[in-house]
Amino acid sequence: MSTVQENGFAKGLKTRRLLRREITYDDALDNDSNMLLQLGYRDQKLKLYLYLHRQRMQIETIVAHHLGISVDRCTVVDVEDWMHGSFNVCLQVNIDINGQECVHDKGGIPGKQYIIRFPLPFRIGENFCPGNADEKVRCEAATYAWLQENCPTVPILQLYGVGLSNGLSFTVLDNLPLFTRSLHRLRRLFSYWLGYPTPSLYVPHKQQRRKEQVRLNTPYLLIEYIKPSQGKMLSETWEQGRHDPELRSVFFPWTLTYHVGVKEGLFPTSDVLRLELMPEGTKASRYQKYRAT
């Protein structure tokens, strides 16, 4: 008996459920991917969803911490409204318009929505190689930070906060208290003058006035939310619009413009960006360049 049949996926049985669709035995035979591995994705996704659902209060506390607002103003939407792609799950967090005003001018806006994004551990090999999820989030955060400082003409989502599975978190400089902002800007200025690596705009940020730090066992990014009225993901409109001559005449020049903007700041070699702490005691972070192999 084949391995497929031993796992209850024999010909003649009912279809089996994958992450996004159902599959039959014949479909599995025609697919070069490891279908036995994918058969476990749905259960692992439900397990992650259950964990995040149970941690909603902690998630709201974390979001409030990064935005500098009261936790009473933050509400994670119901599970039915969560969104997931191939590698991440996104939870929308609503900010109460009737709550307390933001602590800082450039913090959250009353009535605004944010997205807290978690990697799907089963899609990035976290079980086989622990630490992959943290590495993924570090690289993504460093890319955001690098683009913000080196390619200001390229539109990207605003990154407000980063958290790792070990409890370490970073908050964008503009959302920190005045004294911390001023001190960090001076540190950046002196580092630049002296020729040292310049700290990024994301600063290690501990939760104050709490006996125990609120932490999750999974890393995350807190990013800007794009409303459906503002635009849709390309993956949702590509099939419908890719043959439209008018849309193509706009899309490709637009893409080229931003490609040139990114290219102007690129490194001369193939490198990887990774968010790291500066040397011990500096209480700062930077995006570190690593040579790709």
Protein backbone atom coordinates (compact mmCIF):
# COMPACT_ATOMS: atom_id res chain seq x y z
CA MET A 1 0.00 0.00 0.00
CA SER A 2 1.34 3.43 -0.92
CA THR A 3 2.17 6.14 1.58
CA VAL A 4 -0.73 8.20 0.27
CA GLN A 5 -3.17 5.37 0.91
CA GLU A 6 -1.73 4.74 4.38
CA ASN A 7 -2.57 8.30 5.30
CA GLY A 8 -6.23 7.85 4.40
CA PHE A 9 -6.01 9.53 1.01
CA ALA A 10 -6.82 6.51 -1.13
CA LYS A 11 -8.70 6.54 -4.38
CA GLY A 12 -12.44 6.42 -3.89
CA LEU A 13 -12.48 8.27 -0.55
CA LYS A 14 -14.11 11.67 -0.19
CA THR A 15 -12.20 14.81 -1.02
CA ARG A 16 -9.73 16.14 1.54
CA ARG A 17 -9.52 19.71 2.77
CA LEU A 18 -6.49 21.90 2.04
CA LEU A 19 -5.85 25.41 3.32
CA ARG A 20 -7.98 27.13 0.67
CA ARG A 21 -9.72 24.38 -1.27
CA GLU A 22 -10.61 20.71 -1.42
CA ILE A 23 -8.62 18.15 -3.37
CA THR A 24 -9.32 14.68 -4.74
CA TYR A 25 -7.00 11.71 -5.08
CA ASP A 26 -6.64 12.27 -8.82
CA ASP A 27 -5.81 15.95 -8.28
CA ALA A 28 -3.13 14.97 -5.78
CA LEU A 29 -1.52 12.56 -8.24
CA ASP A 30 -1.28 15.32 -10.86
CA ASN A 31 0.33 17.74 -8.40
CA ASP A 32 4.10 17.78 -7.86
CA SER A 33 3.78 19.33 -4.39
CA ASN A 34 3.88 17.34 -1.16
CA MET A 35 0.13 17.03 -0.64
CA LEU A 36 0.49 15.06 2.60
CA LEU A 37 2.24 18.05 4.13
CA GLN A 38 -0.44 20.42 2.86
CA LEU A 39 -3.21 18.24 4.28
CA GLY A 40 -2.11 19.33 7.76
CA TYR A 41 -2.17 23.06 7.01
CA ARG A 42 -5.85 23.57 7.77
CA ASP A 43 -5.67 22.01 11.25
CA GLN A 44 -2.53 24.01 12.04
CA LYS A 45 -4.23 27.19 10.84
CA LEU A 46 -7.21 26.52 13.12
CA LYS A 47 -4.82 25.91 16.02
CA LEU A 48 -3.11 29.26 15.40
CA TYR A 49 -6.46 31.05 15.07
CA LEU A 50 -7.63 29.56 18.37
CA TYR A 51 -4.46 30.74 20.10
CA LEU A 52 -4.75 34.28 18.70
CA HIS A 53 -8.45 34.41 19.58
CA ARG A 54 -7.64 33.53 23.19
CA GLN A 55 -4.95 36.23 23.23
CA ARG A 56 -7.17 39.08 21.99
CA MET A 57 -6.79 41.13 25.17
CA GLN A 58 -3.02 40.77 25.02
CA ILE A 59 -3.04 41.78 21.35
CA GLU A 60 -5.09 44.88 22.15
CA THR A 61 -2.64 45.75 24.93
CA ILE A 62 0.30 45.38 22.55
CA VAL A 63 -1.32 47.58 19.89
CA ALA A 64 -2.13 50.26 22.46
CA HIS A 65 1.47 50.10 23.68
CA HIS A 66 2.89 50.77 20.20
CA LEU A 67 0.41 53.57 19.45
CA GLY A 68 0.69 55.28 22.82
CA ILE A 69 -3.05 55.17 23.52
CA SER A 70 -5.39 53.62 26.08
CA VAL A 71 -6.04 49.90 25.65
CA ASP A 72 -9.75 50.60 26.15
CA ARG A 73 -9.81 52.16 22.71
CA CYS A 74 -8.52 49.06 20.91
CA THR A 75 -10.72 46.22 19.66
CA VAL A 76 -9.64 43.20 17.62
CA VAL A 77 -12.28 42.31 15.02
CA ASP A 78 -14.09 38.97 15.03
CA VAL A 79 -12.41 35.88 13.59
CA GLU A 80 -14.73 35.97 10.58
CA ASP A 81 -13.04 39.20 9.49
CA TRP A 82 -9.47 37.97 9.83
CA MET A 83 -7.52 37.75 6.58
CA HIS A 84 -4.80 35.33 5.61
CA GLY A 85 -2.61 34.84 2.57
CA SER A 86 0.02 32.26 1.82
CA PHE A 87 2.39 33.21 4.64
CA ASN A 88 0.62 35.61 7.05
CA VAL A 89 -2.62 36.14 8.94
CA CYS A 90 -3.81 39.72 9.44
CA LEU A 91 -6.03 40.90 12.29
CA GLN A 92 -7.72 44.27 11.96
CA VAL A 93 -7.69 46.37 15.13
CA ASN A 94 -10.22 49.21 15.40
CA ILE A 95 -9.55 52.35 17.45
CA ASP A 96 -12.57 53.73 19.31
CA ILE A 97 -13.42 57.23 18.09
CA ASN A 98 -15.12 58.08 21.38
CA GLY A 99 -12.15 57.17 23.53
CA GLN A 100 -9.29 59.18 24.91
CA GLU A 101 -7.29 61.29 22.49
CA CYS A 102 -3.87 60.01 21.43
CA VAL A 103 -0.95 60.77 23.69
CA HIS A 104 1.29 61.92 20.85
CA ASP A 105 0.49 64.02 17.80
CA LYS A 106 1.72 61.42 15.34
CA GLY A 107 0.21 58.41 17.08
CA GLY A 108 -3.02 56.66 16.22
CA ILE A 109 -5.90 58.67 14.81
CA PRO A 110 -9.33 58.29 16.48
CA GLY A 111 -11.56 56.04 14.40
CA LYS A 112 -8.64 54.59 12.48
CA GLN A 113 -7.89 50.94 11.81
CA TYR A 114 -4.59 49.08 11.99
CA ILE A 115 -3.39 45.64 10.99
CA ILE A 116 -1.36 43.36 13.22
CA ARG A 117 0.21 40.67 11.07
CA PHE A 118 1.47 37.28 12.23
CA PRO A 119 3.43 34.77 10.12
CA LEU A 120 1.87 31.36 9.54
CA PRO A 121 4.43 29.08 11.25
CA PHE A 122 3.48 25.99 9.27
CA ARG A 123 4.14 27.80 5.96
CA ILE A 124 7.64 29.02 6.83
CA GLY A 125 9.09 25.88 8.38
CA GLU A 126 8.95 27.03 12.01
CA ASN A 127 8.35 23.47 13.23
CA PHE A 128 11.39 22.16 11.36
CA CYS A 129 13.63 25.13 12.03
CA PRO A 130 12.59 27.15 15.12
CA GLY A 131 13.39 30.81 14.69
CA ASN A 132 12.24 31.11 11.08
CA ALA A 133 9.25 33.23 12.11
CA ASP A 134 11.43 35.69 14.03
CA GLU A 135 13.88 35.84 11.13
CA LYS A 136 11.06 36.55 8.67
CA VAL A 137 9.70 39.41 10.77
CA ARG A 138 13.17 40.87 11.40
CA CYS A 139 13.92 40.95 7.67
CA GLU A 140 10.54 42.46 6.80
CA ALA A 141 10.86 45.14 9.47
CA ALA A 142 14.39 46.00 8.32
CA THR A 143 13.16 46.31 4.73
CA TYR A 144 10.41 48.71 5.82
CA ALA A 145 12.93 50.77 7.80
CA TRP A 146 15.44 50.85 4.95
CA LEU A 147 12.86 51.84 2.32
CA GLN A 148 11.49 54.62 4.54
CA GLU A 149 14.92 56.21 4.89
CA ASN A 150 16.48 55.46 1.50
CA CYS A 151 13.55 55.44 -0.94
CA PRO A 152 11.05 58.05 0.31
CA THR A 153 9.37 58.27 -3.12
CA VAL A 154 8.33 54.62 -3.00
CA PRO A 155 4.91 54.26 -1.30
CA ILE A 156 4.84 51.54 1.35
CA LEU A 157 2.67 50.76 4.34
CA GLN A 158 3.57 52.61 7.52
CA LEU A 159 5.13 50.29 10.09
CA TYR A 160 4.25 51.22 13.68
CA GLY A 161 5.64 48.37 15.73
CA VAL A 162 7.52 45.08 15.69
CA GLY A 163 7.50 42.25 18.20
CA LEU A 164 9.52 39.04 18.49
CA SER A 165 8.64 35.77 20.18
CA ASN A 166 11.15 36.44 22.99
CA GLY A 167 9.16 39.50 24.10
CA LEU A 168 11.46 42.11 22.54
CA SER A 169 9.49 44.88 20.80
CA PHE A 170 10.28 47.98 18.74
CA THR A 171 8.11 51.08 18.26
CA VAL A 172 8.38 53.73 15.57
CA LEU A 173 10.15 56.82 16.90
CA ASP A 174 7.26 59.24 16.31
CA ASN A 175 5.02 57.29 18.72
CA LEU A 176 7.42 57.49 21.67
CA PRO A 177 7.45 60.09 24.48
CA LEU A 178 9.10 63.44 23.80
CA PHE A 179 12.21 62.78 25.89
CA THR A 180 12.85 59.40 24.24
CA ARG A 181 12.31 60.87 20.78
CA SER A 182 14.71 63.74 21.42
CA LEU A 183 17.40 61.48 22.87
CA HIS A 184 17.16 59.03 19.97
CA ARG A 185 17.32 61.78 17.35
CA LEU A 186 20.50 63.10 18.98
CA ARG A 187 21.92 59.57 18.97
CA ARG A 188 21.18 59.25 15.26
CA LEU A 189 22.73 62.66 14.55
CA PHE A 190 25.95 61.99 16.47
CA SER A 191 26.28 58.51 14.94
CA TYR A 192 26.02 60.04 11.48
CA TRP A 193 28.59 62.75 12.25
CA LEU A 194 31.06 60.26 13.72
CA GLY A 195 30.67 57.78 10.88
CA TYR A 196 29.05 55.05 12.96
CA PRO A 197 26.04 52.96 11.84
CA THR A 198 22.95 55.12 12.23
CA PRO A 199 20.23 53.68 14.50
CA SER A 200 16.94 53.04 12.72
CA LEU A 201 13.66 54.82 13.43
CA TYR A 202 12.45 51.81 15.43
CA VAL A 203 13.39 51.85 19.08
CA PRO A 204 13.27 49.00 21.65
CA HIS A 205 10.22 49.83 23.73
CA LYS A 206 9.42 48.10 27.02
CA GLN A 207 5.94 48.20 28.47
CA GLN A 208 5.90 50.50 31.46
CA ARG A 209 3.90 50.26 34.69
CA ARG A 210 3.34 46.52 34.38
CA LYS A 211 4.57 43.84 36.74
CA GLU A 212 4.77 41.38 33.85
CA GLN A 213 5.46 42.11 30.21
CA VAL A 214 2.58 41.21 27.88
CA ARG A 215 4.06 38.94 25.24
CA LEU A 216 2.96 36.47 22.60
CA ASN A 217 4.84 33.36 21.56
CA THR A 218 4.75 34.50 17.94
CA PRO A 219 6.34 37.55 16.26
CA TYR A 220 4.26 40.27 14.60
CA LEU A 221 4.23 43.52 12.65
CA LEU A 222 1.82 46.38 13.37
CA ILE A 223 1.17 48.16 10.09
CA GLU A 224 -1.13 50.62 8.38
CA TYR A 225 -4.56 49.46 7.21
CA ILE A 226 -5.64 50.18 3.65
CA LYS A 227 -9.41 50.47 3.36
CA PRO A 228 -11.17 48.75 0.41
CA SER A 229 -12.25 52.20 -0.79
CA GLN A 230 -8.57 53.18 -1.09
CA GLY A 231 -7.51 50.22 -3.19
CA LYS A 232 -7.38 46.46 -3.58
CA MET A 233 -4.54 43.98 -3.62
CA LEU A 234 -3.14 43.25 -7.06
CA SER A 235 -3.79 39.55 -6.53
CA GLU A 236 -7.53 40.30 -6.37
CA THR A 237 -7.70 42.38 -9.57
CA TRP A 238 -4.93 40.93 -11.74
CA GLU A 239 -6.95 38.32 -13.64
CA GLN A 240 -9.73 40.78 -14.40
CA GLY A 241 -7.56 43.75 -15.32
CA ARG A 242 -4.37 42.36 -16.85
CA HIS A 243 -5.82 42.35 -20.37
CA ASP A 244 -7.24 45.89 -20.13
CA PRO A 245 -5.08 48.12 -22.40
CA GLU A 246 -5.88 51.25 -20.39
CA LEU A 247 -4.90 49.67 -17.08
CA ARG A 248 -1.74 48.18 -18.59
CA SER A 249 -0.70 51.58 -19.94
CA VAL A 250 -0.84 52.92 -16.38
CA PHE A 251 0.40 49.90 -14.44
CA PHE A 252 3.72 49.21 -16.15
CA PRO A 253 5.05 52.82 -16.21
CA TRP A 254 3.93 53.17 -12.57
CA THR A 255 5.80 49.99 -11.64
CA LEU A 256 8.92 51.13 -13.51
CA THR A 257 8.90 54.47 -11.68
CA TYR A 258 9.04 52.83 -8.27
CA HIS A 259 11.49 50.21 -9.45
CA VAL A 260 13.88 53.00 -10.41
CA GLY A 261 13.28 54.64 -7.02
CA VAL A 262 14.29 51.46 -5.21
CA LYS A 263 17.23 50.78 -7.52
CA GLU A 264 18.80 54.14 -6.68
CA GLY A 265 19.27 53.05 -3.09
CA LEU A 266 20.22 49.43 -3.63
CA PHE A 267 23.47 47.86 -2.55
CA PRO A 268 26.00 46.91 -5.26
CA THR A 269 25.73 43.25 -4.20
CA SER A 270 22.91 40.87 -3.29
CA ASP A 271 22.33 41.42 0.41
CA VAL A 272 19.79 40.71 3.13
CA LEU A 273 18.47 43.31 5.57
CA ARG A 274 17.82 42.29 9.17
CA LEU A 275 16.61 44.33 12.14
CA GLU A 276 19.07 44.05 15.03
CA LEU A 277 19.80 45.61 18.39
CA MET A 278 22.72 47.99 18.49
CA PRO A 279 25.59 47.11 20.89
CA GLU A 280 24.52 46.39 24.47
CA GLY A 281 23.36 49.43 26.41
CA THR A 282 22.54 51.70 23.45
CA LYS A 283 18.79 50.91 23.50
CA ALA A 284 18.55 51.31 19.73
CA SER A 285 18.15 49.18 16.63
CA ARG A 286 19.51 49.23 13.11
CA TYR A 287 19.00 47.36 9.88
CA GLN A 288 22.08 45.24 9.37
CA LYS A 289 23.25 44.20 5.90
CA TYR A 290 24.24 40.58 5.29
CA ARG A 291 25.77 39.16 2.13
CA ALA A 292 23.41 36.72 0.44
CA THR A 293 24.87 33.31 -0.38
